[in-house]
Amino acid sequence: MQFLQSIHHIAIICSDYEKSKRFYTEILGFKIDREVLRSERESYKLDLSLNGQYCIELFSFPNPPKRPSRPESCGLRHIAFQVANVQECIATLNQKGIFPEPIRTDEFTGKKFTFFADPDDLPIELYEM
């Protein structure tokens, strides 16, 4: 029996809450659904949506430990977003001071993709559909 229906959200712990909040809202265009200060944990929880779909929970905690991200360490590898045109997205990101890697082509699908990083070096992929 298949019991999973879809991905509900991605949880991200950031090192600089205000910087990451600006990145995900002002650079990537996520909408803030709810922002909660959890004072007993010295933590913010920011619920973000994209095109009306709840996607990301952004958390802040005091002094979170670093997690190795590259090269190919164990754990979450990256998050990927579907886009209509990778080149146009890169141009938009460049205007905002974000410079993704050169465009690559998926050897199995022939689709274009690229990577860039969030403020904590979490790899983010743009995948052209």
Foldseek 3Di string as FASTA:
>chain_A
DDDDDDDQEAEEEDADVVQLVCCCCVQVNWDWPDWDQPPVQRKIWTFTDDPPGTYYTYMYGHPDDADDADDPDPDDNAEEDEDADPVVSQVSNVVVVWHWDDWDADPVPRWIKIWTAGPSRGIYMYTHD
